[in-house]
Amino acid sequence: MLTDVEAAWQYRRDLHTVVDASDGVLAASCLSWVDPTTSIAAIELLGVRPEYRRLGLVGALCKHAAQLVYAAGGREIGVHPRGDGGYPASLSVYLRCGFRRVGHTQLYARS
């Protein structure tokens, strides 16, 4: 059965990496998208189950995703981590993976 993500027109199975633990549990997943018109890619939906954090999976997934993106014709990769005070870990991980901050998204909420 296809999930909503897999049914999206821009979804490519070759840009979706999953890491299974030795017991078959999904430990981590990383999904990348490449815009075929601009060759700009995004790493999003990268996640690691709490019990598998701090094992280097995010760094390995980022590097692997970059290789897949470049092989698929992508020339630039962006990530959009929260990185705010409530969830600072993702920003620091991406910086350690070699990404650099080039902008900041302002979030708005309707009250």
PDB file of N, CA and C in Angstrom:
ATOM      1  N   MET A   1       0.825  -1.174   0.000  1.00  0.00           N
ATOM      2  CA  MET A   1       0.000   0.000   0.000  1.00  0.00           C
ATOM      3  C   MET A   1       0.877   1.249   0.000  1.00  0.00           C
ATOM      4  N   LEU A   2       0.597   2.174  -0.885  1.00  0.00           N
ATOM      5  CA  LEU A   2       1.360   3.407  -0.949  1.00  0.00           C
ATOM      6  C   LEU A   2       0.902   4.387   0.113  1.00  0.00           C
ATOM      7  N   THR A   3       1.862   5.049   0.717  1.00  0.00           N
ATOM      8  CA  THR A   3       1.517   6.117   1.644  1.00  0.00           C
ATOM      9  C   THR A   3       1.246   7.373   0.837  1.00  0.00           C
ATOM     10  N   ASP A   4       0.737   8.399   1.488  1.00  0.00           N
ATOM     11  CA  ASP A   4       0.498   9.670   0.798  1.00  0.00           C
ATOM     12  C   ASP A   4       1.787  10.231   0.215  1.00  0.00           C
ATOM     13  N   VAL A   5       2.883  10.093   0.949  1.00  0.00           N
ATOM     14  CA  VAL A   5       4.167  10.604   0.457  1.00  0.00           C
ATOM     15  C   VAL A   5       4.582   9.862  -0.803  1.00  0.00           C
ATOM     16  N   GLU A   6       4.483   8.555  -0.768  1.00  0.00           N
ATOM     17  CA  GLU A   6       4.899   7.760  -1.922  1.00  0.00           C
ATOM     18  C   GLU A   6       3.999   7.979  -3.131  1.00  0.00           C
ATOM     19  N   ALA A   7       2.787   8.424  -2.899  1.00  0.00           N
ATOM     20  CA  ALA A   7       1.862   8.675  -4.000  1.00  0.00           C
ATOM     21  C   ALA A   7       2.060  10.058  -4.628  1.00  0.00           C
ATOM     22  N   ALA A   8       2.844  10.921  -4.002  1.00  0.00           N
ATOM     23  CA  ALA A   8       3.078  12.262  -4.537  1.00  0.00           C
ATOM     24  C   ALA A   8       3.822  12.164  -5.867  1.00  0.00           C
ATOM     25  N   TRP A   9       3.486  13.017  -6.804  1.00  0.00           N
ATOM     26  CA  TRP A   9       4.068  12.942  -8.147  1.00  0.00           C
ATOM     27  C   TRP A   9       5.585  13.107  -8.135  1.00  0.00           C
ATOM     28  N   GLN A  10       6.116  13.882  -7.199  1.00  0.00           N
ATOM     29  CA  GLN A  10       7.560  14.131  -7.195  1.00  0.00           C
ATOM     30  C   GLN A  10       8.349  13.113  -6.373  1.00  0.00           C
ATOM     31  N   TYR A  11       7.662  12.153  -5.749  1.00  0.00           N
ATOM     32  CA  TYR A  11       8.337  11.134  -4.949  1.00  0.00           C
ATOM     33  C   TYR A  11       9.168  10.222  -5.837  1.00  0.00           C
ATOM     34  N   ARG A  12      10.387   9.959  -5.387  1.00  0.00           N
ATOM     35  CA  ARG A  12      11.271   9.018  -6.081  1.00  0.00           C
ATOM     36  C   ARG A  12      11.812   8.032  -5.060  1.00  0.00           C
ATOM     37  N   ARG A  13      11.533   6.782  -5.263  1.00  0.00           N
ATOM     38  CA  ARG A  13      11.986   5.743  -4.338  1.00  0.00           C
ATOM     39  C   ARG A  13      13.504   5.730  -4.205  1.00  0.00           C
ATOM     40  N   ASP A  14      14.215   6.064  -5.278  1.00  0.00           N
ATOM     41  CA  ASP A  14      15.677   6.043  -5.230  1.00  0.00           C
ATOM     42  C   ASP A  14      16.259   7.171  -4.367  1.00  0.00           C
ATOM     43  N   LEU A  15      15.428   8.109  -3.927  1.00  0.00           N
ATOM     44  CA  LEU A  15      15.888   9.191  -3.055  1.00  0.00           C
ATOM     45  C   LEU A  15      15.360   9.033  -1.625  1.00  0.00           C
ATOM     46  N   HIS A  16      14.861   7.848  -1.315  1.00  0.00           N
ATOM     47  CA  HIS A  16      14.298   7.567   0.002  1.00  0.00           C
ATOM     48  C   HIS A  16      15.111   6.441   0.640  1.00  0.00           C
ATOM     49  N   THR A  17      15.751   6.739   1.750  1.00  0.00           N
ATOM     50  CA  THR A  17      16.595   5.759   2.433  1.00  0.00           C
ATOM     51  C   THR A  17      16.005   5.443   3.797  1.00  0.00           C
ATOM     52  N   VAL A  18      15.928   4.175   4.113  1.00  0.00           N
ATOM     53  CA  VAL A  18      15.484   3.752   5.440  1.00  0.00           C
ATOM     54  C   VAL A  18      16.582   2.905   6.075  1.00  0.00           C
ATOM     55  N   VAL A  19      16.663   2.992   7.391  1.00  0.00           N
ATOM     56  CA  VAL A  19      17.621   2.203   8.161  1.00  0.00           C
ATOM     57  C   VAL A  19      16.824   1.331   9.117  1.00  0.00           C
ATOM     58  N   ASP A  20      16.943   0.039   8.948  1.00  0.00           N
ATOM     59  CA  ASP A  20      16.285  -0.906   9.841  1.00  0.00           C
ATOM     60  C   ASP A  20      17.272  -1.385  10.892  1.00  0.00           C
ATOM     61  N   ALA A  21      16.812  -1.492  12.124  1.00  0.00           N
ATOM     62  CA  ALA A  21      17.626  -2.048  13.198  1.00  0.00           C
ATOM     63  C   ALA A  21      17.717  -3.557  12.994  1.00  0.00           C
ATOM     64  N   SER A  22      18.592  -4.184  13.740  1.00  0.00           N
ATOM     65  CA  SER A  22      18.793  -5.621  13.574  1.00  0.00           C
ATOM     66  C   SER A  22      17.535  -6.435  13.857  1.00  0.00           C
ATOM     67  N   ASP A  23      16.622  -5.886  14.644  1.00  0.00           N
ATOM     68  CA  ASP A  23      15.374  -6.600  14.932  1.00  0.00           C
ATOM     69  C   ASP A  23      14.262  -6.259  13.942  1.00  0.00           C
ATOM     70  N   GLY A  24      14.601  -5.507  12.888  1.00  0.00           N
ATOM     71  CA  GLY A  24      13.627  -5.173  11.859  1.00  0.00           C
ATOM     72  C   GLY A  24      12.845  -3.900  12.099  1.00  0.00           C
ATOM     73  N   VAL A  25      13.051  -3.245  13.236  1.00  0.00           N
ATOM     74  CA  VAL A  25      12.361  -1.990  13.544  1.00  0.00           C
ATOM     75  C   VAL A  25      12.961  -0.869  12.703  1.00  0.00           C
ATOM     76  N   LEU A  26      12.113   0.020  12.206  1.00  0.00           N
ATOM     77  CA  LEU A  26      12.587   1.183  11.470  1.00  0.00           C
ATOM     78  C   LEU A  26      13.320   2.097  12.437  1.00  0.00           C
ATOM     79  N   ALA A  27      14.622   2.272  12.241  1.00  0.00           N
ATOM     80  CA  ALA A  27      15.434   3.108  13.134  1.00  0.00           C
ATOM     81  C   ALA A  27      15.518   4.539  12.632  1.00  0.00           C
ATOM     82  N   ALA A  28      15.584   4.722  11.308  1.00  0.00           N
ATOM     83  CA  ALA A  28      15.740   6.061  10.743  1.00  0.00           C
ATOM     84  C   ALA A  28      15.259   6.071   9.303  1.00  0.00           C
ATOM     85  N   SER A  29      14.942   7.263   8.840  1.00  0.00           N
ATOM     86  CA  SER A  29      14.483   7.421   7.467  1.00  0.00           C
ATOM     87  C   SER A  29      14.882   8.802   6.975  1.00  0.00           C
ATOM     88  N   CYS A  30      15.217   8.888   5.700  1.00  0.00           N
ATOM     89  CA  CYS A  30      15.588  10.167   5.096  1.00  0.00           C
ATOM     90  C   CYS A  30      15.006  10.226   3.696  1.00  0.00           C
ATOM     91  N   LEU A  31      14.303  11.299   3.439  1.00  0.00           N
ATOM     92  CA  LEU A  31      13.664  11.486   2.144  1.00  0.00           C
ATOM     93  C   LEU A  31      14.192  12.763   1.507  1.00  0.00           C
ATOM     94  N   SER A  32      14.593  12.669   0.261  1.00  0.00           N
ATOM     95  CA  SER A  32      15.070  13.829  -0.489  1.00  0.00           C
ATOM     96  C   SER A  32      14.196  14.039  -1.710  1.00  0.00           C
ATOM     97  N   TRP A  33      14.136  15.267  -2.141  1.00  0.00           N
ATOM     98  CA  TRP A  33      13.365  15.644  -3.321  1.00  0.00           C
ATOM     99  C   TRP A  33      14.269  16.452  -4.234  1.00  0.00           C
ATOM    100  N   VAL A  34      14.155  16.270  -5.531  1.00  0.00           N
ATOM    101  CA  VAL A  34      14.904  17.068  -6.499  1.00  0.00           C
ATOM    102  C   VAL A  34      13.920  17.702  -7.470  1.00  0.00           C
ATOM    103  N   ASP A  35      14.031  19.017  -7.615  1.00  0.00           N
ATOM    104  CA  ASP A  35      13.218  19.715  -8.607  1.00  0.00           C
ATOM    105  C   ASP A  35      13.916  19.544  -9.947  1.00  0.00           C
ATOM    106  N   PRO A  36      13.301  18.851 -10.895  1.00  0.00           N
ATOM    107  CA  PRO A  36      13.974  18.585 -12.163  1.00  0.00           C
ATOM    108  C   PRO A  36      14.205  19.839 -12.998  1.00  0.00           C
ATOM    109  N   THR A  37      13.478  20.901 -12.744  1.00  0.00           N
ATOM    110  CA  THR A  37      13.646  22.140 -13.506  1.00  0.00           C
ATOM    111  C   THR A  37      14.839  22.949 -13.020  1.00  0.00           C
ATOM    112  N   THR A  38      14.993  23.062 -11.696  1.00  0.00           N
ATOM    113  CA  THR A  38      16.056  23.894 -11.133  1.00  0.00           C
ATOM    114  C   THR A  38      17.261  23.101 -10.641  1.00  0.00           C
ATOM    115  N   SER A  39      17.141  21.803 -10.514  1.00  0.00           N
ATOM    116  CA  SER A  39      18.164  20.920  -9.944  1.00  0.00           C
ATOM    117  C   SER A  39      18.440  21.218  -8.473  1.00  0.00           C
ATOM    118  N   ILE A  40      17.513  21.904  -7.830  1.00  0.00           N
ATOM    119  CA  ILE A  40      17.627  22.176  -6.396  1.00  0.00           C
ATOM    120  C   ILE A  40      16.903  21.068  -5.643  1.00  0.00           C
ATOM    121  N   ALA A  41      17.552  20.585  -4.605  1.00  0.00           N
ATOM    122  CA  ALA A  41      17.009  19.473  -3.831  1.00  0.00           C
ATOM    123  C   ALA A  41      16.766  19.893  -2.394  1.00  0.00           C
ATOM    124  N   ALA A  42      15.977  19.099  -1.721  1.00  0.00           N
ATOM    125  CA  ALA A  42      15.725  19.311  -0.297  1.00  0.00           C
ATOM    126  C   ALA A  42      15.799  17.975   0.415  1.00  0.00           C
ATOM    127  N   ILE A  43      16.424  18.006   1.574  1.00  0.00           N
ATOM    128  CA  ILE A  43      16.374  16.865   2.474  1.00  0.00           C
ATOM    129  C   ILE A  43      15.302  17.222   3.487  1.00  0.00           C
ATOM    130  N   GLU A  44      14.286  16.423   3.533  1.00  0.00           N
ATOM    131  CA  GLU A  44      13.239  16.660   4.522  1.00  0.00           C
ATOM    132  C   GLU A  44      12.658  15.315   4.920  1.00  0.00           C
ATOM    133  N   LEU A  45      12.012  15.370   5.974  1.00  0.00           N
ATOM    134  CA  LEU A  45      11.491  14.140   6.553  1.00  0.00           C
ATOM    135  C   LEU A  45      12.620  13.201   6.968  1.00  0.00           C
ATOM    136  N   LEU A  46      13.682  13.779   7.509  1.00  0.00           N
ATOM    137  CA  LEU A  46      14.753  12.973   8.080  1.00  0.00           C
ATOM    138  C   LEU A  46      14.429  12.786   9.558  1.00  0.00           C
ATOM    139  N   GLY A  47      14.352  11.548   9.968  1.00  0.00           N
ATOM    140  CA  GLY A  47      14.032  11.298  11.366  1.00  0.00           C
ATOM    141  C   GLY A  47      14.708  10.045  11.889  1.00  0.00           C
ATOM    142  N   VAL A  48      14.999  10.068  13.167  1.00  0.00           N
ATOM    143  CA  VAL A  48      15.618   8.930  13.847  1.00  0.00           C
ATOM    144  C   VAL A  48      14.814   8.670  15.113  1.00  0.00           C
ATOM    145  N   ARG A  49      14.432   7.419  15.304  1.00  0.00           N
ATOM    146  CA  ARG A  49      13.708   7.064  16.533  1.00  0.00           C
ATOM    147  C   ARG A  49      14.588   7.391  17.741  1.00  0.00           C
ATOM    148  N   PRO A  50      13.993   7.863  18.824  1.00  0.00           N
ATOM    149  CA  PRO A  50      14.783   8.289  19.990  1.00  0.00           C
ATOM    150  C   PRO A  50      15.801   7.263  20.476  1.00  0.00           C
ATOM    151  N   GLU A  51      15.440   6.005  20.474  1.00  0.00           N
ATOM    152  CA  GLU A  51      16.369   4.997  20.995  1.00  0.00           C
ATOM    153  C   GLU A  51      17.564   4.734  20.077  1.00  0.00           C
ATOM    154  N   TYR A  52      17.555   5.296  18.867  1.00  0.00           N
ATOM    155  CA  TYR A  52      18.669   5.116  17.934  1.00  0.00           C
ATOM    156  C   TYR A  52      19.424   6.411  17.672  1.00  0.00           C
ATOM    157  N   ARG A  53      19.152   7.441  18.462  1.00  0.00           N
ATOM    158  CA  ARG A  53      19.863   8.710  18.313  1.00  0.00           C
ATOM    159  C   ARG A  53      21.251   8.610  18.907  1.00  0.00           C
ATOM    160  N   ARG A  54      22.088   9.534  18.490  1.00  0.00           N
ATOM    161  CA  ARG A  54      23.480   9.624  18.943  1.00  0.00           C
ATOM    162  C   ARG A  54      24.327   8.432  18.499  1.00  0.00           C
ATOM    163  N   LEU A  55      23.970   7.849  17.373  1.00  0.00           N
ATOM    164  CA  LEU A  55      24.747   6.749  16.794  1.00  0.00           C
ATOM    165  C   LEU A  55      25.370   7.144  15.460  1.00  0.00           C
ATOM    166  N   GLY A  56      25.208   8.395  15.067  1.00  0.00           N
ATOM    167  CA  GLY A  56      25.763   8.861  13.801  1.00  0.00           C
ATOM    168  C   GLY A  56      24.858   8.642  12.601  1.00  0.00           C
ATOM    169  N   LEU A  57      23.612   8.238  12.842  1.00  0.00           N
ATOM    170  CA  LEU A  57      22.714   7.959  11.724  1.00  0.00           C
ATOM    171  C   LEU A  57      22.365   9.205  10.923  1.00  0.00           C
ATOM    172  N   VAL A  58      22.149  10.338  11.576  1.00  0.00           N
ATOM    173  CA  VAL A  58      21.790  11.553  10.845  1.00  0.00           C
ATOM    174  C   VAL A  58      22.925  11.964   9.915  1.00  0.00           C
ATOM    175  N   GLY A  59      24.136  11.960  10.397  1.00  0.00           N
ATOM    176  CA  GLY A  59      25.275  12.315   9.554  1.00  0.00           C
ATOM    177  C   GLY A  59      25.429  11.366   8.381  1.00  0.00           C
ATOM    178  N   ALA A  60      25.292  10.074   8.647  1.00  0.00           N
ATOM    179  CA  ALA A  60      25.404   9.085   7.575  1.00  0.00           C
ATOM    180  C   ALA A  60      24.275   9.260   6.560  1.00  0.00           C
ATOM    181  N   LEU A  61      23.062   9.521   7.040  1.00  0.00           N
ATOM    182  CA  LEU A  61      21.932   9.715   6.123  1.00  0.00           C
ATOM    183  C   LEU A  61      22.103  10.980   5.297  1.00  0.00           C
ATOM    184  N   CYS A  62      22.595  12.060   5.904  1.00  0.00           N
ATOM    185  CA  CYS A  62      22.826  13.298   5.148  1.00  0.00           C
ATOM    186  C   CYS A  62      23.841  13.077   4.036  1.00  0.00           C
ATOM    187  N   LYS A  63      24.927  12.424   4.344  1.00  0.00           N
ATOM    188  CA  LYS A  63      25.959  12.165   3.329  1.00  0.00           C
ATOM    189  C   LYS A  63      25.422  11.257   2.232  1.00  0.00           C
ATOM    190  N   HIS A  64      24.694  10.235   2.619  1.00  0.00           N
ATOM    191  CA  HIS A  64      24.118   9.319   1.630  1.00  0.00           C
ATOM    192  C   HIS A  64      23.094  10.039   0.760  1.00  0.00           C
ATOM    193  N   ALA A  65      22.243  10.855   1.385  1.00  0.00           N
ATOM    194  CA  ALA A  65      21.244  11.617   0.628  1.00  0.00           C
ATOM    195  C   ALA A  65      21.929  12.549  -0.373  1.00  0.00           C
ATOM    196  N   ALA A  66      23.009  13.193   0.034  1.00  0.00           N
ATOM    197  CA  ALA A  66      23.729  14.083  -0.884  1.00  0.00           C
ATOM    198  C   ALA A  66      24.254  13.307  -2.087  1.00  0.00           C
ATOM    199  N   GLN A  67      24.791  12.126  -1.860  1.00  0.00           N
ATOM    200  CA  GLN A  67      25.271  11.303  -2.973  1.00  0.00           C
ATOM    201  C   GLN A  67      24.130  10.934  -3.915  1.00  0.00           C
ATOM    202  N   LEU A  68      22.993  10.548  -3.346  1.00  0.00           N
ATOM    203  CA  LEU A  68      21.836  10.193  -4.176  1.00  0.00           C
ATOM    204  C   LEU A  68      21.328  11.393  -4.971  1.00  0.00           C
ATOM    205  N   VAL A  69      21.255  12.544  -4.319  1.00  0.00           N
ATOM    206  CA  VAL A  69      20.774  13.762  -4.976  1.00  0.00           C
ATOM    207  C   VAL A  69      21.681  14.137  -6.135  1.00  0.00           C
ATOM    208  N   TYR A  70      22.982  14.134  -5.914  1.00  0.00           N
ATOM    209  CA  TYR A  70      23.910  14.495  -6.989  1.00  0.00           C
ATOM    210  C   TYR A  70      23.852  13.492  -8.131  1.00  0.00           C
ATOM    211  N   ALA A  71      23.703  12.210  -7.806  1.00  0.00           N
ATOM    212  CA  ALA A  71      23.576  11.191  -8.855  1.00  0.00           C
ATOM    213  C   ALA A  71      22.286  11.377  -9.653  1.00  0.00           C
ATOM    214  N   ALA A  72      21.267  11.968  -9.013  1.00  0.00           N
ATOM    215  CA  ALA A  72      19.982  12.203  -9.685  1.00  0.00           C
ATOM    216  C   ALA A  72      19.940  13.547 -10.410  1.00  0.00           C
ATOM    217  N   GLY A  73      21.061  14.251 -10.432  1.00  0.00           N
ATOM    218  CA  GLY A  73      21.123  15.523 -11.147  1.00  0.00           C
ATOM    219  C   GLY A  73      20.958  16.756 -10.293  1.00  0.00           C
ATOM    220  N   GLY A  74      20.793  16.580  -8.993  1.00  0.00           N
ATOM    221  CA  GLY A  74      20.684  17.734  -8.099  1.00  0.00           C
ATOM    222  C   GLY A  74      22.029  18.422  -7.953  1.00  0.00           C
ATOM    223  N   ARG A  75      22.005  19.738  -7.863  1.00  0.00           N
ATOM    224  CA  ARG A  75      23.254  20.498  -7.757  1.00  0.00           C
ATOM    225  C   ARG A  75      23.334  21.346  -6.500  1.00  0.00           C
ATOM    226  N   GLU A  76      22.233  21.462  -5.795  1.00  0.00           N
ATOM    227  CA  GLU A  76      22.184  22.252  -4.565  1.00  0.00           C
ATOM    228  C   GLU A  76      21.172  21.596  -3.643  1.00  0.00           C
ATOM    229  N   ILE A  77      21.526  21.503  -2.357  1.00  0.00           N
ATOM    230  CA  ILE A  77      20.642  20.852  -1.382  1.00  0.00           C
ATOM    231  C   ILE A  77      20.329  21.835  -0.266  1.00  0.00           C
ATOM    232  N   GLY A  78      19.074  21.898   0.089  1.00  0.00           N
ATOM    233  CA  GLY A  78      18.660  22.719   1.216  1.00  0.00           C
ATOM    234  C   GLY A  78      17.986  21.861   2.266  1.00  0.00           C
ATOM    235  N   VAL A  79      18.098  22.280   3.496  1.00  0.00           N
ATOM    236  CA  VAL A  79      17.376  21.647   4.597  1.00  0.00           C
ATOM    237  C   VAL A  79      16.660  22.751   5.355  1.00  0.00           C
ATOM    238  N   HIS A  80      15.602  22.383   6.019  1.00  0.00           N
ATOM    239  CA  HIS A  80      14.810  23.364   6.750  1.00  0.00           C
ATOM    240  C   HIS A  80      14.556  22.862   8.168  1.00  0.00           C
ATOM    241  N   PRO A  81      15.613  22.805   8.993  1.00  0.00           N
ATOM    242  CA  PRO A  81      15.426  22.315  10.358  1.00  0.00           C
ATOM    243  C   PRO A  81      14.723  23.360  11.208  1.00  0.00           C
ATOM    244  N   ARG A  82      14.018  22.899  12.210  1.00  0.00           N
ATOM    245  CA  ARG A  82      13.426  23.864  13.146  1.00  0.00           C
ATOM    246  C   ARG A  82      14.546  24.641  13.810  1.00  0.00           C
ATOM    247  N   GLY A  83      15.386  23.969  14.562  1.00  0.00           N
ATOM    248  CA  GLY A  83      16.539  24.623  15.171  1.00  0.00           C
ATOM    249  C   GLY A  83      16.207  25.728  16.146  1.00  0.00           C
ATOM    250  N   ASP A  84      14.972  25.798  16.609  1.00  0.00           N
ATOM    251  CA  ASP A  84      14.615  26.840  17.564  1.00  0.00           C
ATOM    252  C   ASP A  84      14.914  26.371  18.989  1.00  0.00           C
ATOM    253  N   GLY A  85      14.617  27.214  19.947  1.00  0.00           N
ATOM    254  CA  GLY A  85      14.897  26.885  21.340  1.00  0.00           C
ATOM    255  C   GLY A  85      14.221  25.617  21.812  1.00  0.00           C
ATOM    256  N   GLY A  86      13.069  25.300  21.223  1.00  0.00           N
ATOM    257  CA  GLY A  86      12.357  24.098  21.627  1.00  0.00           C
ATOM    258  C   GLY A  86      12.922  22.827  21.011  1.00  0.00           C
ATOM    259  N   TYR A  87      13.708  22.964  19.957  1.00  0.00           N
ATOM    260  CA  TYR A  87      14.254  21.789  19.271  1.00  0.00           C
ATOM    261  C   TYR A  87      15.564  22.182  18.569  1.00  0.00           C
ATOM    262  N   PRO A  88      16.607  22.466  19.349  1.00  0.00           N
ATOM    263  CA  PRO A  88      17.853  22.969  18.762  1.00  0.00           C
ATOM    264  C   PRO A  88      18.735  21.905  18.113  1.00  0.00           C
ATOM    265  N   ALA A  89      18.479  20.646  18.385  1.00  0.00           N
ATOM    266  CA  ALA A  89      19.392  19.586  17.941  1.00  0.00           C
ATOM    267  C   ALA A  89      19.515  19.505  16.429  1.00  0.00           C
ATOM    268  N   SER A  90      18.421  19.646  15.700  1.00  0.00           N
ATOM    269  CA  SER A  90      18.493  19.443  14.258  1.00  0.00           C
ATOM    270  C   SER A  90      19.407  20.447  13.581  1.00  0.00           C
ATOM    271  N   LEU A  91      19.366  21.700  13.971  1.00  0.00           N
ATOM    272  CA  LEU A  91      20.235  22.699  13.356  1.00  0.00           C
ATOM    273  C   LEU A  91      21.703  22.351  13.580  1.00  0.00           C
ATOM    274  N   SER A  92      22.069  21.994  14.789  1.00  0.00           N
ATOM    275  CA  SER A  92      23.467  21.686  15.073  1.00  0.00           C
ATOM    276  C   SER A  92      23.945  20.454  14.304  1.00  0.00           C
ATOM    277  N   VAL A  93      23.074  19.480  14.133  1.00  0.00           N
ATOM    278  CA  VAL A  93      23.453  18.278  13.377  1.00  0.00           C
ATOM    279  C   VAL A  93      23.725  18.629  11.915  1.00  0.00           C
ATOM    280  N   TYR A  94      22.843  19.415  11.312  1.00  0.00           N
ATOM    281  CA  TYR A  94      23.053  19.790   9.915  1.00  0.00           C
ATOM    282  C   TYR A  94      24.314  20.632   9.750  1.00  0.00           C
ATOM    283  N   LEU A  95      24.611  21.499  10.694  1.00  0.00           N
ATOM    284  CA  LEU A  95      25.844  22.284  10.624  1.00  0.00           C
ATOM    285  C   LEU A  95      27.057  21.369  10.703  1.00  0.00           C
ATOM    286  N   ARG A  96      27.001  20.362  11.565  1.00  0.00           N
ATOM    287  CA  ARG A  96      28.114  19.401  11.658  1.00  0.00           C
ATOM    288  C   ARG A  96      28.257  18.575  10.383  1.00  0.00           C
ATOM    289  N   CYS A  97      27.165  18.410   9.644  1.00  0.00           N
ATOM    290  CA  CYS A  97      27.209  17.653   8.387  1.00  0.00           C
ATOM    291  C   CYS A  97      27.765  18.486   7.228  1.00  0.00           C
ATOM    292  N   GLY A  98      28.063  19.748   7.480  1.00  0.00           N
ATOM    293  CA  GLY A  98      28.657  20.580   6.438  1.00  0.00           C
ATOM    294  C   GLY A  98      27.716  21.589   5.803  1.00  0.00           C
ATOM    295  N   PHE A  99      26.456  21.591   6.212  1.00  0.00           N
ATOM    296  CA  PHE A  99      25.545  22.613   5.712  1.00  0.00           C
ATOM    297  C   PHE A  99      25.867  23.927   6.409  1.00  0.00           C
ATOM    298  N   ARG A 100      25.544  25.030   5.759  1.00  0.00           N
ATOM    299  CA  ARG A 100      25.753  26.332   6.384  1.00  0.00           C
ATOM    300  C   ARG A 100      24.455  27.110   6.337  1.00  0.00           C
ATOM    301  N   ARG A 101      24.291  27.964   7.286  1.00  0.00           N
ATOM    302  CA  ARG A 101      23.073  28.768   7.374  1.00  0.00           C
ATOM    303  C   ARG A 101      23.137  29.886   6.337  1.00  0.00           C
ATOM    304  N   VAL A 102      22.119  29.966   5.508  1.00  0.00           N
ATOM    305  CA  VAL A 102      22.055  31.031   4.498  1.00  0.00           C
ATOM    306  C   VAL A 102      20.782  31.854   4.639  1.00  0.00           C
ATOM    307  N   GLY A 103      19.913  31.459   5.518  1.00  0.00           N
ATOM    308  CA  GLY A 103      18.677  32.194   5.715  1.00  0.00           C
ATOM    309  C   GLY A 103      17.941  31.636   6.918  1.00  0.00           C
ATOM    310  N   HIS A 104      16.849  32.258   7.223  1.00  0.00           N
ATOM    311  CA  HIS A 104      16.049  31.825   8.354  1.00  0.00           C
ATOM    312  C   HIS A 104      14.590  31.989   7.999  1.00  0.00           C
ATOM    313  N   THR A 105      13.819  30.978   8.252  1.00  0.00           N
ATOM    314  CA  THR A 105      12.391  31.028   7.977  1.00  0.00           C
ATOM    315  C   THR A 105      11.671  31.607   9.183  1.00  0.00           C
ATOM    316  N   GLN A 106      10.846  32.580   8.932  1.00  0.00           N
ATOM    317  CA  GLN A 106      10.049  33.173  10.009  1.00  0.00           C
ATOM    318  C   GLN A 106       8.725  32.427  10.066  1.00  0.00           C
ATOM    319  N   LEU A 107       8.380  31.913  11.218  1.00  0.00           N
ATOM    320  CA  LEU A 107       7.124  31.200  11.397  1.00  0.00           C
ATOM    321  C   LEU A 107       6.070  32.128  11.964  1.00  0.00           C
ATOM    322  N   TYR A 108       4.875  31.994  11.461  1.00  0.00           N
ATOM    323  CA  TYR A 108       3.754  32.804  11.933  1.00  0.00           C
ATOM    324  C   TYR A 108       2.636  31.856  12.355  1.00  0.00           C
ATOM    325  N   ALA A 109       1.897  32.285  13.337  1.00  0.00           N
ATOM    326  CA  ALA A 109       0.753  31.502  13.805  1.00  0.00           C
ATOM    327  C   ALA A 109      -0.458  32.418  13.915  1.00  0.00           C
ATOM    328  N   ARG A 110      -1.554  31.876  13.576  1.00  0.00           N
ATOM    329  CA  ARG A 110      -2.801  32.635  13.704  1.00  0.00           C
ATOM    330  C   ARG A 110      -3.306  32.509  15.125  1.00  0.00           C
ATOM    331  N   SER A 111      -3.646  33.631  15.740  1.00  0.00           N
ATOM    332  CA  SER A 111      -4.101  33.567  17.127  1.00  0.00           C
ATOM    333  C   SER A 111      -5.602  33.644  17.239  1.00  0.00           C
TER     334      SER A 111
END
